């Protein structure tokens, strides 16, 4: 009867065999991804030809200086104010009903279209009084007055 195996000798690859195995794996990977590599080489060639690759390389080499400049610019009060204003505007826009915004912007577009029509008549106090009888003008003035009232309430808070 044979003796049970109690020890397995693991075969250690020499440095030359490890290099050859790595080269074989790399060759297989290149063969599998040939089209992708050709495209990547084409992109790199275009970047090199346009000078963008050199600029990116210089940017990476000077990353500490670039980071210092970016941080210096980002902490300027003007930039901080711009970021804070952008966040406040985004918050205000999030609170407004999109359908209402679309309706108001559509009305503004129609108003601009109407305002660009040529007008030869002189505007008089009497013509302003008559304009109040026009339902469209009355609606717009009423909207404007209600808007101003709401804005005033908001400013008072």
N, C-alpha and C. Protein backbone atom coordinates (compact mmCIF):
# COMPACT_ATOMS: atom_id res chain seq x y z
N UNK A 1 0.84 -1.16 0.00
CA UNK A 1 0.00 0.00 0.00
C UNK A 1 0.89 1.24 0.00
N UNK A 2 0.47 2.26 -0.76
CA UNK A 2 1.27 3.47 -0.89
C UNK A 2 1.08 4.36 0.32
N UNK A 3 2.11 5.16 0.57
CA UNK A 3 2.04 6.09 1.70
C UNK A 3 1.28 7.35 1.28
N UNK A 4 0.49 7.93 2.20
CA UNK A 4 -0.23 9.16 1.87
C UNK A 4 0.75 10.32 1.66
N UNK A 5 0.33 11.22 0.75
CA UNK A 5 1.18 12.40 0.48
C UNK A 5 1.00 13.37 1.64
N UNK A 6 2.09 13.74 2.23
CA UNK A 6 2.03 14.65 3.37
C UNK A 6 2.72 15.98 3.07
N UNK A 7 3.41 16.07 1.93
CA UNK A 7 4.14 17.29 1.62
C UNK A 7 4.04 17.54 0.12
N UNK A 8 3.64 18.79 -0.25
CA UNK A 8 3.56 19.16 -1.66
C UNK A 8 4.60 20.23 -1.90
N UNK A 9 5.47 19.97 -2.81
CA UNK A 9 6.52 20.94 -3.12
C UNK A 9 5.99 21.93 -4.15
N UNK A 10 6.00 23.18 -3.74
CA UNK A 10 5.51 24.24 -4.63
C UNK A 10 6.66 24.65 -5.54
N UNK A 11 6.35 24.70 -6.82
CA UNK A 11 7.37 25.06 -7.80
C UNK A 11 7.54 26.57 -7.82
N UNK A 12 8.73 27.02 -7.56
CA UNK A 12 9.05 28.44 -7.57
C UNK A 12 9.57 28.80 -8.96
N UNK A 13 8.97 29.88 -9.52
CA UNK A 13 9.40 30.34 -10.84
C UNK A 13 10.65 31.19 -10.70
N UNK A 14 11.54 31.02 -11.66
CA UNK A 14 12.73 31.86 -11.66
C UNK A 14 12.33 33.25 -12.14
N UNK A 15 13.22 34.19 -11.97
CA UNK A 15 12.94 35.56 -12.39
C UNK A 15 12.70 35.62 -13.90
N UNK A 16 13.45 34.87 -14.65
CA UNK A 16 13.29 34.83 -16.11
C UNK A 16 11.93 34.25 -16.49
N UNK A 17 11.48 33.21 -15.79
CA UNK A 17 10.18 32.61 -16.06
C UNK A 17 9.04 33.56 -15.68
N UNK A 18 9.20 34.31 -14.58
CA UNK A 18 8.20 35.28 -14.18
C UNK A 18 8.07 36.38 -15.24
N UNK A 19 9.22 36.83 -15.75
CA UNK A 19 9.19 37.86 -16.81
C UNK A 19 8.50 37.33 -18.05
N UNK A 20 8.80 36.11 -18.41
CA UNK A 20 8.20 35.51 -19.60
C UNK A 20 6.70 35.35 -19.41
N UNK A 21 6.27 34.95 -18.21
CA UNK A 21 4.85 34.79 -17.91
C UNK A 21 4.14 36.14 -17.99
N UNK A 22 4.76 37.20 -17.46
CA UNK A 22 4.19 38.54 -17.54
C UNK A 22 4.07 39.00 -18.98
N UNK A 23 5.10 38.73 -19.79
CA UNK A 23 5.06 39.10 -21.21
C UNK A 23 3.96 38.34 -21.94
N UNK A 24 3.77 37.09 -21.62
CA UNK A 24 2.71 36.30 -22.25
C UNK A 24 1.33 36.87 -21.90
N UNK A 25 1.14 37.22 -20.62
CA UNK A 25 -0.14 37.81 -20.20
C UNK A 25 -0.38 39.13 -20.90
N UNK A 26 0.66 39.95 -21.02
CA UNK A 26 0.56 41.24 -21.69
C UNK A 26 0.23 41.06 -23.17
N UNK A 27 0.86 40.10 -23.81
CA UNK A 27 0.58 39.82 -25.22
C UNK A 27 -0.87 39.38 -25.40
N UNK A 28 -1.36 38.53 -24.51
CA UNK A 28 -2.76 38.09 -24.58
C UNK A 28 -3.71 39.28 -24.41
N UNK A 29 -3.40 40.15 -23.46
CA UNK A 29 -4.25 41.31 -23.20
C UNK A 29 -4.26 42.26 -24.40
N UNK A 30 -3.10 42.45 -25.01
CA UNK A 30 -3.02 43.31 -26.20
C UNK A 30 -3.85 42.72 -27.33
N UNK A 31 -3.76 41.42 -27.51
CA UNK A 31 -4.53 40.76 -28.58
C UNK A 31 -6.03 40.89 -28.33
N UNK A 32 -6.46 40.79 -27.07
CA UNK A 32 -7.88 40.89 -26.74
C UNK A 32 -8.42 42.30 -26.95
N UNK A 33 -7.60 43.31 -26.65
CA UNK A 33 -8.07 44.71 -26.67
C UNK A 33 -7.38 45.53 -27.77
N UNK A 34 -7.15 44.91 -28.89
CA UNK A 34 -6.41 45.56 -29.97
C UNK A 34 -7.08 46.85 -30.45
N UNK A 35 -8.38 46.82 -30.69
CA UNK A 35 -9.09 48.00 -31.20
C UNK A 35 -9.07 49.14 -30.20
N UNK A 36 -9.28 48.82 -28.93
CA UNK A 36 -9.27 49.85 -27.89
C UNK A 36 -7.90 50.50 -27.78
N UNK A 37 -6.85 49.68 -27.87
CA UNK A 37 -5.49 50.22 -27.79
C UNK A 37 -5.18 51.11 -29.00
N UNK A 38 -5.64 50.70 -30.18
CA UNK A 38 -5.41 51.53 -31.36
C UNK A 38 -6.10 52.88 -31.22
N UNK A 39 -7.33 52.88 -30.70
CA UNK A 39 -8.04 54.14 -30.48
C UNK A 39 -7.34 55.00 -29.44
N UNK A 40 -6.87 54.38 -28.35
CA UNK A 40 -6.17 55.12 -27.30
C UNK A 40 -4.89 55.74 -27.84
N UNK A 41 -4.18 55.00 -28.67
CA UNK A 41 -2.95 55.52 -29.26
C UNK A 41 -3.28 56.68 -30.21
N UNK A 42 -4.38 56.55 -30.95
CA UNK A 42 -4.82 57.64 -31.83
C UNK A 42 -5.15 58.90 -31.05
N UNK A 43 -5.86 58.74 -29.92
CA UNK A 43 -6.22 59.88 -29.09
C UNK A 43 -4.96 60.53 -28.53
N UNK A 44 -4.04 59.72 -28.02
CA UNK A 44 -2.79 60.26 -27.49
C UNK A 44 -1.99 60.98 -28.57
N UNK A 45 -2.01 60.45 -29.76
CA UNK A 45 -1.30 61.09 -30.88
C UNK A 45 -1.89 62.45 -31.19
N UNK A 46 -3.22 62.54 -31.20
CA UNK A 46 -3.89 63.83 -31.44
C UNK A 46 -3.57 64.82 -30.33
N UNK A 47 -3.61 64.35 -29.09
CA UNK A 47 -3.29 65.22 -27.95
C UNK A 47 -1.85 65.72 -28.04
N UNK A 48 -0.96 64.83 -28.45
CA UNK A 48 0.45 65.23 -28.60
C UNK A 48 0.62 66.24 -29.73
N UNK A 49 -0.06 65.99 -30.83
CA UNK A 49 0.04 66.89 -31.98
C UNK A 49 -0.50 68.28 -31.69
N UNK A 50 -1.53 68.37 -30.85
CA UNK A 50 -2.13 69.67 -30.55
C UNK A 50 -1.43 70.38 -29.39
N UNK A 51 -0.52 69.69 -28.71
CA UNK A 51 0.20 70.32 -27.60
C UNK A 51 -0.49 70.16 -26.26
N UNK A 52 -1.66 69.55 -26.27
CA UNK A 52 -2.40 69.39 -25.01
C UNK A 52 -1.70 68.39 -24.10
N UNK A 53 -1.10 67.37 -24.67
CA UNK A 53 -0.42 66.37 -23.86
C UNK A 53 0.74 66.98 -23.09
N UNK A 54 1.51 67.85 -23.73
CA UNK A 54 2.62 68.51 -23.05
C UNK A 54 2.11 69.43 -21.95
N UNK A 55 1.00 70.13 -22.24
CA UNK A 55 0.42 71.01 -21.23
C UNK A 55 -0.05 70.21 -20.02
N UNK A 56 -0.69 69.07 -20.27
CA UNK A 56 -1.16 68.22 -19.16
C UNK A 56 0.02 67.68 -18.36
N UNK A 57 1.09 67.32 -19.06
CA UNK A 57 2.29 66.82 -18.37
C UNK A 57 2.90 67.91 -17.49
N UNK A 58 2.99 69.12 -18.02
CA UNK A 58 3.52 70.25 -17.24
C UNK A 58 2.63 70.55 -16.04
N UNK A 59 1.32 70.46 -16.26
CA UNK A 59 0.37 70.70 -15.17
C UNK A 59 0.55 69.66 -14.06
N UNK A 60 0.75 68.41 -14.43
CA UNK A 60 0.96 67.37 -13.43
C UNK A 60 2.27 67.56 -12.68
N UNK A 61 3.32 67.99 -13.39
CA UNK A 61 4.61 68.22 -12.73
C UNK A 61 4.54 69.38 -11.75
N UNK A 62 3.69 70.37 -12.05
CA UNK A 62 3.58 71.56 -11.19
C UNK A 62 2.33 71.49 -10.32
N UNK A 63 1.88 70.29 -9.98
CA UNK A 63 0.61 70.13 -9.28
C UNK A 63 0.56 70.87 -7.94
N UNK A 64 1.66 70.93 -7.21
CA UNK A 64 1.65 71.62 -5.92
C UNK A 64 1.43 73.12 -6.12
N UNK A 65 2.12 73.69 -7.08
CA UNK A 65 1.95 75.12 -7.36
C UNK A 65 0.55 75.41 -7.87
N UNK A 66 0.05 74.55 -8.76
CA UNK A 66 -1.29 74.74 -9.32
C UNK A 66 -2.34 74.64 -8.22
N UNK A 67 -2.20 73.67 -7.33
CA UNK A 67 -3.15 73.53 -6.22
C UNK A 67 -3.13 74.75 -5.33
N UNK A 68 -1.94 75.29 -5.08
CA UNK A 68 -1.82 76.50 -4.26
C UNK A 68 -2.53 77.68 -4.92
N UNK A 69 -2.37 77.83 -6.22
CA UNK A 69 -3.02 78.93 -6.95
C UNK A 69 -4.54 78.75 -6.94
N UNK A 70 -5.00 77.53 -7.21
CA UNK A 70 -6.44 77.26 -7.24
C UNK A 70 -7.06 77.54 -5.88
N UNK A 71 -6.42 77.07 -4.82
CA UNK A 71 -6.96 77.31 -3.48
C UNK A 71 -6.94 78.80 -3.14
N UNK A 72 -5.89 79.49 -3.57
CA UNK A 72 -5.82 80.94 -3.33
C UNK A 72 -6.94 81.68 -4.04
N UNK A 73 -7.25 81.27 -5.25
CA UNK A 73 -8.32 81.91 -6.01
C UNK A 73 -9.70 81.53 -5.46
N UNK A 74 -9.85 80.29 -5.03
CA UNK A 74 -11.16 79.82 -4.55
C UNK A 74 -11.54 80.45 -3.22
N UNK A 75 -10.57 80.89 -2.45
CA UNK A 75 -10.89 81.48 -1.14
C UNK A 75 -11.03 82.99 -1.20
N UNK A 76 -10.94 83.57 -2.39
CA UNK A 76 -11.17 85.01 -2.52
C UNK A 76 -12.62 85.32 -2.18
N UNK A 77 -12.89 86.47 -1.55
CA UNK A 77 -14.27 86.81 -1.16
C UNK A 77 -15.23 86.83 -2.35
N UNK A 78 -14.77 87.26 -3.52
CA UNK A 78 -15.65 87.33 -4.69
C UNK A 78 -16.12 85.93 -5.09
N UNK A 79 -15.20 84.97 -5.06
CA UNK A 79 -15.54 83.60 -5.45
C UNK A 79 -16.46 82.98 -4.40
N UNK A 80 -16.16 83.23 -3.13
CA UNK A 80 -17.02 82.72 -2.07
C UNK A 80 -18.43 83.29 -2.19
N UNK A 81 -18.53 84.60 -2.46
CA UNK A 81 -19.84 85.22 -2.65
C UNK A 81 -20.57 84.61 -3.84
N UNK A 82 -19.85 84.36 -4.94
CA UNK A 82 -20.47 83.78 -6.12
C UNK A 82 -21.03 82.39 -5.80
N UNK A 83 -20.27 81.59 -5.08
CA UNK A 83 -20.73 80.25 -4.71
C UNK A 83 -21.96 80.34 -3.81
N UNK A 84 -21.90 81.23 -2.81
CA UNK A 84 -23.04 81.39 -1.91
C UNK A 84 -24.28 81.88 -2.65
N UNK A 85 -24.10 82.83 -3.59
CA UNK A 85 -25.23 83.33 -4.37
C UNK A 85 -25.80 82.23 -5.26
N UNK A 86 -24.94 81.43 -5.84
CA UNK A 86 -25.40 80.33 -6.68
C UNK A 86 -26.22 79.32 -5.88
N UNK A 87 -25.76 79.02 -4.67
CA UNK A 87 -26.50 78.09 -3.83
C UNK A 87 -27.84 78.68 -3.40
N UNK A 88 -27.86 79.98 -3.09
CA UNK A 88 -29.11 80.63 -2.71
C UNK A 88 -30.09 80.66 -3.88
N UNK A 89 -29.57 80.95 -5.08
CA UNK A 89 -30.43 80.97 -6.27
C UNK A 89 -30.99 79.57 -6.56
N UNK A 90 -30.15 78.55 -6.39
CA UNK A 90 -30.62 77.19 -6.61
C UNK A 90 -31.70 76.83 -5.60
N UNK A 91 -31.53 77.26 -4.36
CA UNK A 91 -32.55 76.99 -3.35
C UNK A 91 -33.85 77.69 -3.66
N UNK A 92 -33.75 78.95 -4.13
CA UNK A 92 -34.96 79.70 -4.48
C UNK A 92 -35.66 79.05 -5.68
N UNK A 93 -34.90 78.63 -6.68
CA UNK A 93 -35.50 77.98 -7.85
C UNK A 93 -36.14 76.65 -7.48
N UNK A 94 -35.57 75.97 -6.50
CA UNK A 94 -36.14 74.69 -6.08
C UNK A 94 -37.49 74.89 -5.39
N UNK A 95 -37.69 76.06 -4.79
CA UNK A 95 -38.94 76.32 -4.07
C UNK A 95 -40.07 76.77 -4.99
N UNK A 96 -39.74 77.13 -6.24
CA UNK A 96 -40.74 77.64 -7.18
C UNK A 96 -41.31 76.48 -8.00
N UNK A 97 -42.62 76.51 -8.20
CA UNK A 97 -43.31 75.50 -9.01
C UNK A 97 -42.86 75.64 -10.47
N UNK A 98 -42.35 74.57 -11.09
CA UNK A 98 -41.86 74.66 -12.46
C UNK A 98 -42.92 75.10 -13.47
N UNK A 99 -44.16 74.68 -13.27
CA UNK A 99 -45.23 75.09 -14.19
C UNK A 99 -45.46 76.59 -14.11
N UNK A 100 -45.38 77.13 -12.90
CA UNK A 100 -45.56 78.57 -12.71
C UNK A 100 -44.41 79.33 -13.38
N UNK A 101 -43.20 78.82 -13.23
CA UNK A 101 -42.05 79.46 -13.86
C UNK A 101 -42.19 79.44 -15.37
N UNK A 102 -42.61 78.31 -15.92
CA UNK A 102 -42.79 78.20 -17.37
C UNK A 102 -43.84 79.18 -17.87
N UNK A 103 -44.93 79.32 -17.12
CA UNK A 103 -46.00 80.24 -17.52
C UNK A 103 -45.51 81.68 -17.50
N UNK A 104 -44.79 82.06 -16.44
CA UNK A 104 -44.29 83.44 -16.34
C UNK A 104 -43.27 83.72 -17.44
N UNK A 105 -42.36 82.77 -17.69
CA UNK A 105 -41.35 82.98 -18.74
C UNK A 105 -41.99 83.03 -20.13
N UNK A 106 -43.02 82.21 -20.35
CA UNK A 106 -43.74 82.29 -21.61
C UNK A 106 -44.43 83.64 -21.78
N UNK A 107 -44.99 84.15 -20.69
CA UNK A 107 -45.63 85.46 -20.73
C UNK A 107 -44.62 86.56 -20.98
N UNK A 108 -43.45 86.45 -20.38
CA UNK A 108 -42.39 87.43 -20.61
C UNK A 108 -41.99 87.42 -22.09
N UNK A 109 -41.87 86.23 -22.68
CA UNK A 109 -41.51 86.13 -24.09
C UNK A 109 -42.56 86.80 -24.97
N UNK A 110 -43.84 86.56 -24.66
CA UNK A 110 -44.90 87.20 -25.44
C UNK A 110 -44.87 88.71 -25.24
N UNK A 111 -44.60 89.14 -24.01
CA UNK A 111 -44.52 90.57 -23.73
C UNK A 111 -43.38 91.23 -24.49
N UNK A 112 -42.24 90.57 -24.57
CA UNK A 112 -41.12 91.12 -25.33
C UNK A 112 -41.43 91.19 -26.81
N UNK A 113 -42.13 90.16 -27.29
CA UNK A 113 -42.52 90.14 -28.70
C UNK A 113 -43.45 91.32 -29.01
N UNK A 114 -44.41 91.55 -28.13
CA UNK A 114 -45.37 92.65 -28.30
C UNK A 114 -44.65 94.00 -28.16
N UNK A 115 -43.71 94.09 -27.24
CA UNK A 115 -43.00 95.36 -27.01
C UNK A 115 -42.13 95.74 -28.21
N UNK A 116 -41.69 94.75 -28.98
CA UNK A 116 -40.83 95.03 -30.13
C UNK A 116 -41.61 95.45 -31.37
N UNK A 117 -42.93 95.42 -31.29
CA UNK A 117 -43.75 95.89 -32.42
C UNK A 117 -43.57 97.40 -32.57
N UNK A 118 -43.45 97.88 -33.80
CA UNK A 118 -43.29 99.33 -33.98
C UNK A 118 -44.54 100.09 -33.54
N UNK A 119 -44.33 101.20 -32.84
CA UNK A 119 -45.44 102.01 -32.32
C UNK A 119 -45.18 103.47 -32.68
N UNK A 120 -46.11 104.07 -33.42
CA UNK A 120 -45.95 105.46 -33.81
C UNK A 120 -46.72 106.41 -32.89
N UNK A 121 -47.69 105.87 -32.15
CA UNK A 121 -48.52 106.72 -31.29
C UNK A 121 -47.73 107.18 -30.08
N UNK A 122 -47.98 108.40 -29.68
CA UNK A 122 -47.37 108.94 -28.48
C UNK A 122 -48.18 108.46 -27.27
N UNK A 123 -47.48 108.09 -26.19
CA UNK A 123 -48.16 107.64 -24.99
C UNK A 123 -48.53 108.87 -24.16
N UNK A 124 -49.83 108.96 -23.86
CA UNK A 124 -50.33 110.08 -23.07
C UNK A 124 -50.95 109.54 -21.79
N UNK A 125 -51.26 110.43 -20.86
CA UNK A 125 -51.92 110.04 -19.63
C UNK A 125 -53.27 109.42 -19.95
N UNK A 126 -53.97 109.98 -20.91
CA UNK A 126 -55.29 109.47 -21.29
C UNK A 126 -55.16 108.05 -21.88
N UNK A 127 -54.10 107.82 -22.70
CA UNK A 127 -53.92 106.49 -23.28
C UNK A 127 -53.57 105.48 -22.19
N UNK A 128 -52.87 105.92 -21.15
CA UNK A 128 -52.58 105.03 -20.02
C UNK A 128 -53.85 104.66 -19.27
N UNK A 129 -54.73 105.64 -19.09
CA UNK A 129 -55.99 105.37 -18.41
C UNK A 129 -56.84 104.40 -19.22
N UNK A 130 -56.84 104.56 -20.55
CA UNK A 130 -57.59 103.65 -21.41
C UNK A 130 -56.96 102.25 -21.41
N UNK A 131 -55.63 102.19 -21.28
CA UNK A 131 -54.94 100.89 -21.28
C UNK A 131 -55.37 100.06 -20.08
N UNK A 132 -55.73 100.70 -18.98
CA UNK A 132 -56.18 99.96 -17.80
C UNK A 132 -57.47 99.20 -18.07
N UNK A 133 -58.23 99.63 -19.07
CA UNK A 133 -59.47 98.94 -19.42
C UNK A 133 -59.21 97.67 -20.22
N UNK A 134 -58.03 97.59 -20.82
CA UNK A 134 -57.65 96.39 -21.59
C UNK A 134 -57.42 95.25 -20.59
N UNK A 135 -58.12 94.10 -20.76
CA UNK A 135 -58.00 93.00 -19.80
C UNK A 135 -56.57 92.45 -19.69
N UNK A 136 -55.83 92.41 -20.81
CA UNK A 136 -54.46 91.89 -20.77
C UNK A 136 -53.56 92.81 -19.95
N UNK A 137 -53.68 94.12 -20.19
CA UNK A 137 -52.87 95.10 -19.45
C UNK A 137 -53.25 95.06 -17.98
N UNK A 138 -54.55 95.00 -17.70
CA UNK A 138 -55.02 94.97 -16.33
C UNK A 138 -54.50 93.73 -15.60
N UNK A 139 -54.51 92.60 -16.30
CA UNK A 139 -54.02 91.35 -15.71
C UNK A 139 -52.53 91.47 -15.38
N UNK A 140 -51.75 92.04 -16.29
CA UNK A 140 -50.31 92.19 -16.07
C UNK A 140 -50.02 93.16 -14.94
N UNK A 141 -50.75 94.26 -14.87
CA UNK A 141 -50.54 95.24 -13.79
C UNK A 141 -50.95 94.62 -12.46
N UNK A 142 -52.05 93.89 -12.44
CA UNK A 142 -52.47 93.20 -11.21
C UNK A 142 -51.42 92.20 -10.75
N UNK A 143 -50.88 91.44 -11.70
CA UNK A 143 -49.82 90.48 -11.38
C UNK A 143 -48.62 91.21 -10.81
N UNK A 144 -48.23 92.30 -11.45
CA UNK A 144 -47.08 93.07 -10.98
C UNK A 144 -47.30 93.63 -9.58
N UNK A 145 -48.49 94.13 -9.31
CA UNK A 145 -48.79 94.67 -7.98
C UNK A 145 -48.77 93.57 -6.92
N UNK A 146 -49.36 92.41 -7.24
CA UNK A 146 -49.34 91.30 -6.29
C UNK A 146 -47.91 90.80 -6.07
N UNK A 147 -47.12 90.78 -7.16
CA UNK A 147 -45.71 90.38 -7.06
C UNK A 147 -44.97 91.34 -6.13
N UNK A 148 -45.17 92.64 -6.32
CA UNK A 148 -44.49 93.63 -5.48
C UNK A 148 -44.94 93.51 -4.02
N UNK A 149 -46.21 93.22 -3.80
CA UNK A 149 -46.70 93.06 -2.43
C UNK A 149 -46.04 91.85 -1.77
N UNK A 150 -45.99 90.76 -2.48
CA UNK A 150 -45.33 89.55 -1.94
C UNK A 150 -43.85 89.77 -1.72
N UNK A 151 -43.21 90.47 -2.63
CA UNK A 151 -41.79 90.76 -2.47
C UNK A 151 -41.57 91.64 -1.24
N UNK A 152 -42.46 92.62 -1.05
CA UNK A 152 -42.36 93.48 0.12
C UNK A 152 -42.53 92.69 1.41
N UNK A 153 -43.45 91.73 1.43
CA UNK A 153 -43.64 90.89 2.59
C UNK A 153 -42.37 90.09 2.87
N UNK A 154 -41.78 89.57 1.80
CA UNK A 154 -40.55 88.80 1.95
C UNK A 154 -39.42 89.65 2.48
N UNK A 155 -39.33 90.88 2.02
CA UNK A 155 -38.28 91.77 2.50
C UNK A 155 -38.50 92.18 3.96
N UNK A 156 -39.77 92.21 4.38
CA UNK A 156 -40.08 92.59 5.75
C UNK A 156 -39.77 91.51 6.77
N UNK A 157 -39.62 90.27 6.32
CA UNK A 157 -39.37 89.14 7.24
C UNK A 157 -37.93 89.14 7.71
